[in-house]
C-alpha atoms as a PDB file:
ATOM      1  CA  UNK A   1     158.839  67.073 137.246  1.00  0.00           C
ATOM      2  CA  UNK A   2     157.070  63.793 137.978  1.00  0.00           C
ATOM      3  CA  UNK A   3     156.774  61.412 135.058  1.00  0.00           C
ATOM      4  CA  UNK A   4     153.493  61.661 133.150  1.00  0.00           C
ATOM      5  CA  UNK A   5     152.195  58.416 131.692  1.00  0.00           C
ATOM      6  CA  UNK A   6     150.781  59.503 128.337  1.00  0.00           C
ATOM      7  CA  UNK A   7     148.055  57.199 126.987  1.00  0.00           C
ATOM      8  CA  UNK A   8     146.775  59.748 124.470  1.00  0.00           C
ATOM      9  CA  UNK A   9     145.535  58.380 121.136  1.00  0.00           C
ATOM     10  CA  UNK A  10     147.647  60.888 119.241  1.00  0.00           C
ATOM     11  CA  UNK A  11     149.837  62.710 118.543  1.00  0.00           C
ATOM     12  CA  UNK A  12     152.026  59.865 119.635  1.00  0.00           C
ATOM     13  CA  UNK A  13     154.430  59.224 122.446  1.00  0.00           C
ATOM     14  CA  UNK A  14     158.061  59.047 121.260  1.00  0.00           C
ATOM     15  CA  UNK A  15     161.278  57.920 122.994  1.00  0.00           C
ATOM     16  CA  UNK A  16     162.986  60.582 125.129  1.00  0.00           C
ATOM     17  CA  UNK A  17     166.141  60.373 123.029  1.00  0.00           C
ATOM     18  CA  UNK A  18     164.093  61.295 119.954  1.00  0.00           C
ATOM     19  CA  UNK A  19     162.549  64.287 121.735  1.00  0.00           C
ATOM     20  CA  UNK A  20     165.961  65.457 122.947  1.00  0.00           C
ATOM     21  CA  UNK A  21     167.727  65.139 119.599  1.00  0.00           C
ATOM     22  CA  UNK A  22     164.781  66.725 117.772  1.00  0.00           C
ATOM     23  CA  UNK A  23     164.764  69.676 120.173  1.00  0.00           C
ATOM     24  CA  UNK A  24     168.500  70.126 119.722  1.00  0.00           C
ATOM     25  CA  UNK A  25     168.049  70.277 115.945  1.00  0.00           C
ATOM     26  CA  UNK A  26     165.723  73.262 116.232  1.00  0.00           C
ATOM     27  CA  UNK A  27     168.515  75.336 117.765  1.00  0.00           C
ATOM     28  CA  UNK A  28     171.593  73.891 116.079  1.00  0.00           C
ATOM     29  CA  UNK A  29     171.315  71.230 113.399  1.00  0.00           C
ATOM     30  CA  UNK A  30     174.416  69.109 112.746  1.00  0.00           C
ATOM     31  CA  UNK A  31     176.628  71.713 114.454  1.00  0.00           C
ATOM     32  CA  UNK A  32     175.881  74.084 111.572  1.00  0.00           C
ATOM     33  CA  UNK A  33     174.817  76.975 113.772  1.00  0.00           C
ATOM     34  CA  UNK A  34     171.517  76.906 111.880  1.00  0.00           C
ATOM     35  CA  UNK A  35     168.137  75.481 112.818  1.00  0.00           C
ATOM     36  CA  UNK A  36     166.807  72.442 110.998  1.00  0.00           C
ATOM     37  CA  UNK A  37     163.711  74.459 110.110  1.00  0.00           C
ATOM     38  CA  UNK A  38     165.679  77.265 108.430  1.00  0.00           C
ATOM     39  CA  UNK A  39     168.089  75.313 106.218  1.00  0.00           C
ATOM     40  CA  UNK A  40     167.365  74.546 102.577  1.00  0.00           C
ATOM     41  CA  UNK A  41     165.549  71.275 102.049  1.00  0.00           C
ATOM     42  CA  UNK A  42     167.893  70.746  99.112  1.00  0.00           C
ATOM     43  CA  UNK A  43     171.018  71.177 101.210  1.00  0.00           C
ATOM     44  CA  UNK A  44     173.311  68.184 101.574  1.00  0.00           C
ATOM     45  CA  UNK A  45     172.438  67.944 105.281  1.00  0.00           C
ATOM     46  CA  UNK A  46     168.707  67.538 104.712  1.00  0.00           C
ATOM     47  CA  UNK A  47     169.022  65.384 101.597  1.00  0.00           C
ATOM     48  CA  UNK A  48     170.973  62.997 103.834  1.00  0.00           C
ATOM     49  CA  UNK A  49     168.080  63.008 106.329  1.00  0.00           C
ATOM     50  CA  UNK A  50     165.537  62.179 103.637  1.00  0.00           C
ATOM     51  CA  UNK A  51     167.701  59.406 102.211  1.00  0.00           C
ATOM     52  CA  UNK A  52     168.282  57.862 105.635  1.00  0.00           C
ATOM     53  CA  UNK A  53     164.605  58.057 106.569  1.00  0.00           C
ATOM     54  CA  UNK A  54     163.633  56.248 103.362  1.00  0.00           C
ATOM     55  CA  UNK A  55     166.372  53.650 103.803  1.00  0.00           C
ATOM     56  CA  UNK A  56     165.306  52.980 107.402  1.00  0.00           C
ATOM     57  CA  UNK A  57     161.710  52.399 106.279  1.00  0.00           C
ATOM     58  CA  UNK A  58     163.033  49.886 103.760  1.00  0.00           C
ATOM     59  CA  UNK A  59     165.191  48.115 106.353  1.00  0.00           C
ATOM     60  CA  UNK A  60     162.689  48.016 109.219  1.00  0.00           C
ATOM     61  CA  UNK A  61     159.703  46.942 107.091  1.00  0.00           C
ATOM     62  CA  UNK A  62     161.746  44.864 104.626  1.00  0.00           C
ATOM     63  CA  UNK A  63     160.429  46.855 101.648  1.00  0.00           C
ATOM     64  CA  UNK A  64     161.411  45.315  98.275  1.00  0.00           C
ATOM     65  CA  UNK A  65     163.106  47.392  95.569  1.00  0.00           C
ATOM     66  CA  UNK A  66     159.927  47.066  93.504  1.00  0.00           C
ATOM     67  CA  UNK A  67     158.211  49.481  95.916  1.00  0.00           C
ATOM     68  CA  UNK A  68     158.549  53.246  96.225  1.00  0.00           C
ATOM     69  CA  UNK A  69     158.885  54.913  99.640  1.00  0.00           C
ATOM     70  CA  UNK A  70     157.719  58.528  99.894  1.00  0.00           C
ATOM     71  CA  UNK A  71     157.447  61.112 102.667  1.00  0.00           C
ATOM     72  CA  UNK A  72     154.657  63.516 101.727  1.00  0.00           C
ATOM     73  CA  UNK A  73     152.069  65.721 103.452  1.00  0.00           C
ATOM     74  CA  UNK A  74     148.341  65.933 104.120  1.00  0.00           C
ATOM     75  CA  UNK A  75     147.902  63.141 106.655  1.00  0.00           C
ATOM     76  CA  UNK A  76     145.713  60.100 106.144  1.00  0.00           C
ATOM     77  CA  UNK A  77     142.777  62.398 105.364  1.00  0.00           C
ATOM     78  CA  UNK A  78     144.445  63.413 102.113  1.00  0.00           C
ATOM     79  CA  UNK A  79     145.642  59.837 101.731  1.00  0.00           C
ATOM     80  CA  UNK A  80     142.004  58.726 101.405  1.00  0.00           C
ATOM     81  CA  UNK A  81     141.720  60.775  98.206  1.00  0.00           C
ATOM     82  CA  UNK A  82     145.264  60.099  96.997  1.00  0.00           C
ATOM     83  CA  UNK A  83     144.803  56.330  97.263  1.00  0.00           C
ATOM     84  CA  UNK A  84     141.562  56.435  95.315  1.00  0.00           C
ATOM     85  CA  UNK A  85     142.979  58.627  92.547  1.00  0.00           C
ATOM     86  CA  UNK A  86     146.079  56.514  92.032  1.00  0.00           C
ATOM     87  CA  UNK A  87     144.343  53.121  92.113  1.00  0.00           C
ATOM     88  CA  UNK A  88     141.308  53.852  89.923  1.00  0.00           C
ATOM     89  CA  UNK A  89     141.278  51.480  86.963  1.00  0.00           C
ATOM     90  CA  UNK A  90     138.879  50.398  84.233  1.00  0.00           C
ATOM     91  CA  UNK A  91     135.950  49.913  86.630  1.00  0.00           C
ATOM     92  CA  UNK A  92     136.431  53.341  88.230  1.00  0.00           C
ATOM     93  CA  UNK A  93     135.341  51.673  91.475  1.00  0.00           C
ATOM     94  CA  UNK A  94     136.940  51.071  94.837  1.00  0.00           C
ATOM     95  CA  UNK A  95     135.805  48.470  97.359  1.00  0.00           C
ATOM     96  CA  UNK A  96     135.968  49.375 101.061  1.00  0.00           C
ATOM     97  CA  UNK A  97     135.997  47.440 104.312  1.00  0.00           C
ATOM     98  CA  UNK A  98     134.294  49.905 106.663  1.00  0.00           C
ATOM     99  CA  UNK A  99     135.514  49.194 110.178  1.00  0.00           C
ATOM    100  CA  UNK A 100     135.398  52.624 111.807  1.00  0.00           C
ATOM    101  CA  UNK A 101     135.088  56.374 111.397  1.00  0.00           C
ATOM    102  CA  UNK A 102     138.264  56.761 109.341  1.00  0.00           C
ATOM    103  CA  UNK A 103     137.454  53.835 107.060  1.00  0.00           C
ATOM    104  CA  UNK A 104     134.039  55.382 106.456  1.00  0.00           C
ATOM    105  CA  UNK A 105     135.646  58.695 105.510  1.00  0.00           C
ATOM    106  CA  UNK A 106     138.062  56.924 103.167  1.00  0.00           C
ATOM    107  CA  UNK A 107     135.152  55.258 101.371  1.00  0.00           C
ATOM    108  CA  UNK A 108     133.467  58.625 100.884  1.00  0.00           C
ATOM    109  CA  UNK A 109     136.491  60.078  99.068  1.00  0.00           C
ATOM    110  CA  UNK A 110     136.391  57.508  96.253  1.00  0.00           C
ATOM    111  CA  UNK A 111     133.004  58.848  95.137  1.00  0.00           C
ATOM    112  CA  UNK A 112     134.594  62.126  94.031  1.00  0.00           C
ATOM    113  CA  UNK A 113     136.219  60.567  90.971  1.00  0.00           C
ATOM    114  CA  UNK A 114     134.481  57.221  90.646  1.00  0.00           C
ATOM    115  CA  UNK A 115     132.365  54.805  92.638  1.00  0.00           C
ATOM    116  CA  UNK A 116     132.703  53.500  96.180  1.00  0.00           C
ATOM    117  CA  UNK A 117     131.330  50.107  97.176  1.00  0.00           C
ATOM    118  CA  UNK A 118     131.112  48.991 100.812  1.00  0.00           C
ATOM    119  CA  UNK A 119     132.262  45.364 100.762  1.00  0.00           C
ATOM    120  CA  UNK A 120     131.444  44.828 104.433  1.00  0.00           C
ATOM    121  CA  UNK A 121     130.845  47.001 107.488  1.00  0.00           C
ATOM    122  CA  UNK A 122     130.805  46.598 111.258  1.00  0.00           C
ATOM    123  CA  UNK A 123     128.745  49.736 111.839  1.00  0.00           C
ATOM    124  CA  UNK A 124     125.796  47.572 112.891  1.00  0.00           C
ATOM    125  CA  UNK A 125     127.592  46.955 116.220  1.00  0.00           C
ATOM    126  CA  UNK A 126     129.252  50.360 116.553  1.00  0.00           C
ATOM    127  CA  UNK A 127     132.405  49.061 114.852  1.00  0.00           C
ATOM    128  CA  UNK A 128     133.345  46.712 117.700  1.00  0.00           C
ATOM    129  CA  UNK A 129     134.504  43.922 115.343  1.00  0.00           C
ATOM    130  CA  UNK A 130     136.288  43.288 112.025  1.00  0.00           C
ATOM    131  CA  UNK A 131     134.039  41.736 109.320  1.00  0.00           C
ATOM    132  CA  UNK A 132     135.466  38.539 107.850  1.00  0.00           C
ATOM    133  CA  UNK A 133     132.732  36.752 105.895  1.00  0.00           C
ATOM    134  CA  UNK A 134     132.818  38.791 102.701  1.00  0.00           C
ATOM    135  CA  UNK A 135     133.530  38.054  99.068  1.00  0.00           C
ATOM    136  CA  UNK A 136     135.320  40.291  96.587  1.00  0.00           C
ATOM    137  CA  UNK A 137     134.152  40.382  92.984  1.00  0.00           C
ATOM    138  CA  UNK A 138     136.102  41.526  89.955  1.00  0.00           C
ATOM    139  CA  UNK A 139     134.042  44.698  89.566  1.00  0.00           C
ATOM    140  CA  UNK A 140     136.394  46.768  91.723  1.00  0.00           C
ATOM    141  CA  UNK A 141     139.828  48.196  90.933  1.00  0.00           C
ATOM    142  CA  UNK A 142     141.176  47.898  94.468  1.00  0.00           C
ATOM    143  CA  UNK A 143     140.208  46.829  97.978  1.00  0.00           C
ATOM    144  CA  UNK A 144     140.806  49.365 100.770  1.00  0.00           C
ATOM    145  CA  UNK A 145     141.151  48.509 104.472  1.00  0.00           C
ATOM    146  CA  UNK A 146     142.113  50.338 107.664  1.00  0.00           C
ATOM    147  CA  UNK A 147     144.518  48.209 109.670  1.00  0.00           C
ATOM    148  CA  UNK A 148     143.800  49.608 113.138  1.00  0.00           C
ATOM    149  CA  UNK A 149     140.901  51.606 114.528  1.00  0.00           C
ATOM    150  CA  UNK A 150     141.980  54.032 117.230  1.00  0.00           C
ATOM    151  CA  UNK A 151     138.461  55.059 118.224  1.00  0.00           C
ATOM    152  CA  UNK A 152     136.891  51.610 118.553  1.00  0.00           C
ATOM    153  CA  UNK A 153     139.945  49.541 119.531  1.00  0.00           C
ATOM    154  CA  UNK A 154     139.899  46.940 116.753  1.00  0.00           C
ATOM    155  CA  UNK A 155     142.713  45.732 114.510  1.00  0.00           C
ATOM    156  CA  UNK A 156     142.955  43.534 111.419  1.00  0.00           C
ATOM    157  CA  UNK A 157     145.000  40.448 112.262  1.00  0.00           C
ATOM    158  CA  UNK A 158     145.009  38.790 108.824  1.00  0.00           C
ATOM    159  CA  UNK A 159     145.033  40.801 105.614  1.00  0.00           C
ATOM    160  CA  UNK A 160     143.417  39.954 102.284  1.00  0.00           C
ATOM    161  CA  UNK A 161     145.879  38.231  99.932  1.00  0.00           C
ATOM    162  CA  UNK A 162     143.906  37.781  96.697  1.00  0.00           C
ATOM    163  CA  UNK A 163     144.369  39.137  93.179  1.00  0.00           C
ATOM    164  CA  UNK A 164     142.631  42.485  93.651  1.00  0.00           C
ATOM    165  CA  UNK A 165     145.085  45.293  94.557  1.00  0.00           C
ATOM    166  CA  UNK A 166     145.079  46.019  98.296  1.00  0.00           C
ATOM    167  CA  UNK A 167     145.337  49.533  99.756  1.00  0.00           C
ATOM    168  CA  UNK A 168     145.710  50.127 103.479  1.00  0.00           C
ATOM    169  CA  UNK A 169     145.540  53.101 105.813  1.00  0.00           C
ATOM    170  CA  UNK A 170     148.075  51.991 108.411  1.00  0.00           C
ATOM    171  CA  UNK A 171     148.352  55.265 110.303  1.00  0.00           C
ATOM    172  CA  UNK A 172     147.970  53.999 113.855  1.00  0.00           C
ATOM    173  CA  UNK A 173     149.854  50.703 113.856  1.00  0.00           C
ATOM    174  CA  UNK A 174     152.581  50.924 111.220  1.00  0.00           C
ATOM    175  CA  UNK A 175     155.957  49.815 112.629  1.00  0.00           C
ATOM    176  CA  UNK A 176     154.213  48.076 115.550  1.00  0.00           C
ATOM    177  CA  UNK A 177     154.288  44.543 114.112  1.00  0.00           C
ATOM    178  CA  UNK A 178     155.660  42.467 111.260  1.00  0.00           C
ATOM    179  CA  UNK A 179     153.775  42.632 107.951  1.00  0.00           C
ATOM    180  CA  UNK A 180     154.424  41.300 104.463  1.00  0.00           C
ATOM    181  CA  UNK A 181     154.775  44.399 102.305  1.00  0.00           C
ATOM    182  CA  UNK A 182     154.191  42.355  99.157  1.00  0.00           C
ATOM    183  CA  UNK A 183     150.593  41.727 100.257  1.00  0.00           C
ATOM    184  CA  UNK A 184     149.889  45.419  99.624  1.00  0.00           C
ATOM    185  CA  UNK A 185     149.844  47.589  96.525  1.00  0.00           C
ATOM    186  CA  UNK A 186     149.638  50.825  98.505  1.00  0.00           C
ATOM    187  CA  UNK A 187     150.162  51.656 102.180  1.00  0.00           C
ATOM    188  CA  UNK A 188     149.819  55.143 103.600  1.00  0.00           C
ATOM    189  CA  UNK A 189     150.229  56.324 107.176  1.00  0.00           C
ATOM    190  CA  UNK A 190     150.100  59.651 108.952  1.00  0.00           C
ATOM    191  CA  UNK A 191     153.179  59.973 111.147  1.00  0.00           C
ATOM    192  CA  UNK A 192     151.517  61.189 114.317  1.00  0.00           C
ATOM    193  CA  UNK A 193     150.225  57.896 115.679  1.00  0.00           C
ATOM    194  CA  UNK A 194     153.315  55.689 115.853  1.00  0.00           C
ATOM    195  CA  UNK A 195     156.119  57.177 113.764  1.00  0.00           C
ATOM    196  CA  UNK A 196     156.790  60.848 114.497  1.00  0.00           C
ATOM    197  CA  UNK A 197     155.196  64.293 114.859  1.00  0.00           C
ATOM    198  CA  UNK A 198     152.191  65.306 112.801  1.00  0.00           C
ATOM    199  CA  UNK A 199     153.083  66.850 109.452  1.00  0.00           C
ATOM    200  CA  UNK A 200     154.383  64.073 107.232  1.00  0.00           C
ATOM    201  CA  UNK A 201     152.672  61.046 105.702  1.00  0.00           C
ATOM    202  CA  UNK A 202     154.457  57.882 104.643  1.00  0.00           C
ATOM    203  CA  UNK A 203     153.490  56.200 101.362  1.00  0.00           C
ATOM    204  CA  UNK A 204     154.754  52.784 100.314  1.00  0.00           C
ATOM    205  CA  UNK A 205     153.514  51.697  96.897  1.00  0.00           C
ATOM    206  CA  UNK A 206     154.290  49.265  94.113  1.00  0.00           C
ATOM    207  CA  UNK A 207     156.177  51.086  91.402  1.00  0.00           C
ATOM    208  CA  UNK A 208     154.052  49.343  88.798  1.00  0.00           C
ATOM    209  CA  UNK A 209     150.883  51.190  89.890  1.00  0.00           C
ATOM    210  CA  UNK A 210     152.395  54.625  89.260  1.00  0.00           C
ATOM    211  CA  UNK A 211     150.982  56.509  86.310  1.00  0.00           C
ATOM    212  CA  UNK A 212     148.332  53.844  85.593  1.00  0.00           C
ATOM    213  CA  UNK A 213     145.191  55.587  86.893  1.00  0.00           C
ATOM    214  CA  UNK A 214     142.147  55.747  84.611  1.00  0.00           C
ATOM    215  CA  UNK A 215     141.177  59.213  85.876  1.00  0.00           C
ATOM    216  CA  UNK A 216     143.050  62.525  85.537  1.00  0.00           C
ATOM    217  CA  UNK A 217     144.972  63.237  88.752  1.00  0.00           C
ATOM    218  CA  UNK A 218     145.848  66.711  90.078  1.00  0.00           C
ATOM    219  CA  UNK A 219     149.623  67.100  90.094  1.00  0.00           C
ATOM    220  CA  UNK A 220     150.056  67.093  93.876  1.00  0.00           C
ATOM    221  CA  UNK A 221     147.918  63.968  94.319  1.00  0.00           C
ATOM    222  CA  UNK A 222     149.759  61.953  91.678  1.00  0.00           C
ATOM    223  CA  UNK A 223     152.231  59.664  93.453  1.00  0.00           C
ATOM    224  CA  UNK A 224     154.309  59.493  90.280  1.00  0.00           C
ATOM    225  CA  UNK A 225     154.918  63.232  90.635  1.00  0.00           C
ATOM    226  CA  UNK A 226     156.563  62.642  93.989  1.00  0.00           C
ATOM    227  CA  UNK A 227     158.320  59.438  92.964  1.00  0.00           C
ATOM    228  CA  UNK A 228     159.986  61.251  90.057  1.00  0.00           C
ATOM    229  CA  UNK A 229     161.240  63.958  92.457  1.00  0.00           C
ATOM    230  CA  UNK A 230     162.307  61.730  95.375  1.00  0.00           C
ATOM    231  CA  UNK A 231     159.672  63.197  97.741  1.00  0.00           C
ATOM    232  CA  UNK A 232     160.896  66.724  96.985  1.00  0.00           C
ATOM    233  CA  UNK A 233     158.514  67.980  94.307  1.00  0.00           C
ATOM    234  CA  UNK A 234     157.682  70.744  96.781  1.00  0.00           C
ATOM    235  CA  UNK A 235     159.242  71.712 100.112  1.00  0.00           C
ATOM    236  CA  UNK A 236     158.904  68.669 102.394  1.00  0.00           C
ATOM    237  CA  UNK A 237     157.992  68.954 106.095  1.00  0.00           C
ATOM    238  CA  UNK A 238     161.580  68.800 107.285  1.00  0.00           C
ATOM    239  CA  UNK A 239     161.055  68.559 111.049  1.00  0.00           C
ATOM    240  CA  UNK A 240     158.531  65.664 111.085  1.00  0.00           C
ATOM    241  CA  UNK A 241     160.683  63.733 108.615  1.00  0.00           C
ATOM    242  CA  UNK A 242     163.791  64.286 110.741  1.00  0.00           C
ATOM    243  CA  UNK A 243     162.013  63.210 113.948  1.00  0.00           C
ATOM    244  CA  UNK A 244     160.589  60.156 112.154  1.00  0.00           C
ATOM    245  CA  UNK A 245     164.095  59.278 110.987  1.00  0.00           C
ATOM    246  CA  UNK A 246     165.343  59.459 114.595  1.00  0.00           C
ATOM    247  CA  UNK A 247     162.451  57.285 115.748  1.00  0.00           C
ATOM    248  CA  UNK A 248     163.233  54.686 113.082  1.00  0.00           C
ATOM    249  CA  UNK A 249     166.891  54.718 114.159  1.00  0.00           C
ATOM    250  CA  UNK A 250     165.715  53.983 117.711  1.00  0.00           C
ATOM    251  CA  UNK A 251     163.407  51.205 116.538  1.00  0.00           C
ATOM    252  CA  UNK A 252     166.158  49.556 114.516  1.00  0.00           C
ATOM    253  CA  UNK A 253     168.605  49.846 117.446  1.00  0.00           C
ATOM    254  CA  UNK A 254     166.319  48.125 119.962  1.00  0.00           C
ATOM    255  CA  UNK A 255     165.646  45.144 117.711  1.00  0.00           C
ATOM    256  CA  UNK A 256     163.217  46.198 114.997  1.00  0.00           C
ATOM    257  CA  UNK A 257     159.744  44.798 114.432  1.00  0.00           C
ATOM    258  CA  UNK A 258     160.364  41.408 116.027  1.00  0.00           C
ATOM    259  CA  UNK A 259     161.272  43.017 119.338  1.00  0.00           C
ATOM    260  CA  UNK A 260     158.657  45.772 119.322  1.00  0.00           C
ATOM    261  CA  UNK A 261     155.842  43.408 118.345  1.00  0.00           C
ATOM    262  CA  UNK A 262     156.714  41.215 121.326  1.00  0.00           C
ATOM    263  CA  UNK A 263     156.731  44.238 123.648  1.00  0.00           C
ATOM    264  CA  UNK A 264     153.432  45.542 122.289  1.00  0.00           C
ATOM    265  CA  UNK A 265     151.825  42.141 122.814  1.00  0.00           C
ATOM    266  CA  UNK A 266     153.061  42.036 126.421  1.00  0.00           C
ATOM    267  CA  UNK A 267     151.626  45.481 127.142  1.00  0.00           C
ATOM    268  CA  UNK A 268     148.240  44.749 125.600  1.00  0.00           C
ATOM    269  CA  UNK A 269     148.007  41.284 127.193  1.00  0.00           C
ATOM    270  CA  UNK A 270     148.632  42.803 130.629  1.00  0.00           C
ATOM    271  CA  UNK A 271     145.750  45.260 130.427  1.00  0.00           C
ATOM    272  CA  UNK A 272     143.354  42.914 128.603  1.00  0.00           C
ATOM    273  CA  UNK A 273     143.968  40.266 131.276  1.00  0.00           C
ATOM    274  CA  UNK A 274     142.981  42.765 133.942  1.00  0.00           C
ATOM    275  CA  UNK A 275     139.845  43.761 132.033  1.00  0.00           C
ATOM    276  CA  UNK A 276     138.800  40.148 131.438  1.00  0.00           C
ATOM    277  CA  UNK A 277     139.288  39.180 135.077  1.00  0.00           C
ATOM    278  CA  UNK A 278     137.542  42.181 136.556  1.00  0.00           C
ATOM    279  CA  UNK A 279     133.974  42.707 137.731  1.00  0.00           C
ATOM    280  CA  UNK A 280     134.302  46.457 137.210  1.00  0.00           C
ATOM    281  CA  UNK A 281     135.810  46.806 133.726  1.00  0.00           C
ATOM    282  CA  UNK A 282     134.398  45.677 130.405  1.00  0.00           C
ATOM    283  CA  UNK A 283     136.226  45.666 127.068  1.00  0.00           C
ATOM    284  CA  UNK A 284     134.247  47.146 124.173  1.00  0.00           C
ATOM    285  CA  UNK A 285     135.937  45.384 121.226  1.00  0.00           C
ATOM    286  CA  UNK A 286     135.336  41.825 120.062  1.00  0.00           C
ATOM    287  CA  UNK A 287     138.060  39.718 121.714  1.00  0.00           C
ATOM    288  CA  UNK A 288     139.529  38.211 118.544  1.00  0.00           C
ATOM    289  CA  UNK A 289     139.749  41.665 116.923  1.00  0.00           C
ATOM    290  CA  UNK A 290     141.231  43.600 119.837  1.00  0.00           C
ATOM    291  CA  UNK A 291     143.871  46.176 119.014  1.00  0.00           C
ATOM    292  CA  UNK A 292     147.326  46.004 120.588  1.00  0.00           C
ATOM    293  CA  UNK A 293     147.622  49.781 120.105  1.00  0.00           C
ATOM    294  CA  UNK A 294     144.315  51.106 121.488  1.00  0.00           C
ATOM    295  CA  UNK A 295     142.543  49.323 124.336  1.00  0.00           C
ATOM    296  CA  UNK A 296     138.939  50.497 124.782  1.00  0.00           C
ATOM    297  CA  UNK A 297     136.953  49.710 127.921  1.00  0.00           C
ATOM    298  CA  UNK A 298     134.224  50.999 130.212  1.00  0.00           C
ATOM    299  CA  UNK A 299     133.308  50.737 133.872  1.00  0.00           C
ATOM    300  CA  UNK A 300     130.319  48.487 134.516  1.00  0.00           C
ATOM    301  CA  UNK A 301     129.234  50.970 137.182  1.00  0.00           C
ATOM    302  CA  UNK A 302     129.432  54.496 135.749  1.00  0.00           C
ATOM    303  CA  UNK A 303     129.066  55.935 139.228  1.00  0.00           C
ATOM    304  CA  UNK A 304     132.708  54.943 139.754  1.00  0.00           C
ATOM    305  CA  UNK A 305     133.972  57.062 136.833  1.00  0.00           C
ATOM    306  CA  UNK A 306     134.739  60.046 139.035  1.00  0.00           C
ATOM    307  CA  UNK A 307     136.645  57.913 141.562  1.00  0.00           C
ATOM    308  CA  UNK A 308     138.652  56.193 138.825  1.00  0.00           C
ATOM    309  CA  UNK A 309     139.473  59.492 137.110  1.00  0.00           C
ATOM    310  CA  UNK A 310     140.700  60.949 140.395  1.00  0.00           C
ATOM    311  CA  UNK A 311     142.976  57.938 140.899  1.00  0.00           C
ATOM    312  CA  UNK A 312     144.359  58.379 137.374  1.00  0.00           C
ATOM    313  CA  UNK A 313     145.179  62.041 138.022  1.00  0.00           C
ATOM    314  CA  UNK A 314     146.942  61.173 141.271  1.00  0.00           C
ATOM    315  CA  UNK A 315     149.059  58.591 139.405  1.00  0.00           C
ATOM    316  CA  UNK A 316     149.979  61.126 136.670  1.00  0.00           C
ATOM    317  CA  UNK A 317     148.121  59.103 134.036  1.00  0.00           C
ATOM    318  CA  UNK A 318     147.052  61.267 131.110  1.00  0.00           C
ATOM    319  CA  UNK A 319     144.929  60.833 127.994  1.00  0.00           C
ATOM    320  CA  UNK A 320     142.790  57.884 129.066  1.00  0.00           C
ATOM    321  CA  UNK A 321     139.406  59.384 128.246  1.00  0.00           C
ATOM    322  CA  UNK A 322     137.540  57.365 125.620  1.00  0.00           C
ATOM    323  CA  UNK A 323     136.312  58.812 122.345  1.00  0.00           C
ATOM    324  CA  UNK A 324     132.755  60.174 122.486  1.00  0.00           C
ATOM    325  CA  UNK A 325     131.660  57.481 119.986  1.00  0.00           C
ATOM    326  CA  UNK A 326     132.455  54.757 122.514  1.00  0.00           C
ATOM    327  CA  UNK A 327     132.667  56.486 125.882  1.00  0.00           C
ATOM    328  CA  UNK A 328     134.540  55.031 128.818  1.00  0.00           C
ATOM    329  CA  UNK A 329     138.301  54.835 128.543  1.00  0.00           C
ATOM    330  CA  UNK A 330     140.952  54.260 125.916  1.00  0.00           C
ATOM    331  CA  UNK A 331     144.556  53.299 126.634  1.00  0.00           C
ATOM    332  CA  UNK A 332     146.717  54.000 123.579  1.00  0.00           C
ATOM    333  CA  UNK A 333     150.017  52.167 123.831  1.00  0.00           C
ATOM    334  CA  UNK A 334     152.271  53.032 120.922  1.00  0.00           C
ATOM    335  CA  UNK A 335     155.807  51.707 120.493  1.00  0.00           C
ATOM    336  CA  UNK A 336     157.506  54.103 122.909  1.00  0.00           C
ATOM    337  CA  UNK A 337     155.020  53.502 125.716  1.00  0.00           C
ATOM    338  CA  UNK A 338     157.036  51.859 128.528  1.00  0.00           C
ATOM    339  CA  UNK A 339     155.761  48.631 130.057  1.00  0.00           C
ATOM    340  CA  UNK A 340     156.121  50.404 133.403  1.00  0.00           C
ATOM    341  CA  UNK A 341     153.395  52.904 132.478  1.00  0.00           C
ATOM    342  CA  UNK A 342     150.976  50.133 131.521  1.00  0.00           C
ATOM    343  CA  UNK A 343     151.800  48.309 134.735  1.00  0.00           C
ATOM    344  CA  UNK A 344     151.005  51.426 136.784  1.00  0.00           C
ATOM    345  CA  UNK A 345     147.653  51.787 135.012  1.00  0.00           C
ATOM    346  CA  UNK A 346     146.820  48.138 135.707  1.00  0.00           C
ATOM    347  CA  UNK A 347     147.778  48.607 139.367  1.00  0.00           C
ATOM    348  CA  UNK A 348     145.252  51.477 139.584  1.00  0.00           C
ATOM    349  CA  UNK A 349     142.596  49.252 138.014  1.00  0.00           C
ATOM    350  CA  UNK A 350     143.395  46.507 140.523  1.00  0.00           C
ATOM    351  CA  UNK A 351     143.210  48.994 143.394  1.00  0.00           C
ATOM    352  CA  UNK A 352     139.766  50.127 142.310  1.00  0.00           C
ATOM    353  CA  UNK A 353     138.707  46.492 141.948  1.00  0.00           C
ATOM    354  CA  UNK A 354     139.871  45.710 145.484  1.00  0.00           C
ATOM    355  CA  UNK A 355     138.012  48.714 146.901  1.00  0.00           C
ATOM    356  CA  UNK A 356     134.786  48.599 144.925  1.00  0.00           C
ATOM    357  CA  UNK A 357     134.622  45.240 143.146  1.00  0.00           C
END
């Protein structure tokens, strides 16, 4: 079968060795004669998987001992509510930087047990930039941001570092670049964008925030519940955690965040350079806020869309259609996306430019 170049926004592309080892585990896990998905999650074999996955998160992201690492469920959509519940303090108010559809949904969830204040929003320009000129007051318990916006192609480059606790939905760019964990009080990330298959959600939180909420928390949404039980209060999603562990092994082996950040910058620079030097393509995100994970662009002449799409199909390029909120095209380039695939896409863009530009 010819190679397919998968630029889909998610679920994510993973390294072939992760796919192969994950598939093997479904039939015969650790030479046990049993499938990974039929063994007890409390067996020694799976406990070892959970422990290694947590340890790899700590190593790759340089997570201090003062932080808890948890593999839970529910995706970022449940994380919106979980973050709000666990960070509500005396003001019963969360402050939100609204930079896209998911950030807007996160802000909505805080209103179910307290108040939600929009600190700043880029909705006035269809979320094509990251607001920067805002001031935080002491009337909020936490400040919530979304690090990367898959739909609109923007990414926060510099995070808030003040006294107010910072929460971040990092679903689509976690493990893609170096960050200072100690800048954050709570990070959560659905696996399916850059870590593993859909089904598990990573939480990294300061231990000191656990059990301090000013509102009653349902048992399953209380992070202390899961901290006390080492992510095994209930049956964990064993397959996504195992595949995420394999992916983190791969990331550590190839050089960790320093290496992958460099590679991700090379990939994004290649395609942005083509967009910026083309008469046919136009980037939709503000240049200083452009995402290295999700490149959004349109054709200046929509009559060429059909021609371009046909060329993409012939080159086995998949998943490039833009979200309906933006239109055009979106190239999602997660960690396992080879530079070769990006280069082939850029060659197609150049070919169209030469023919029609």
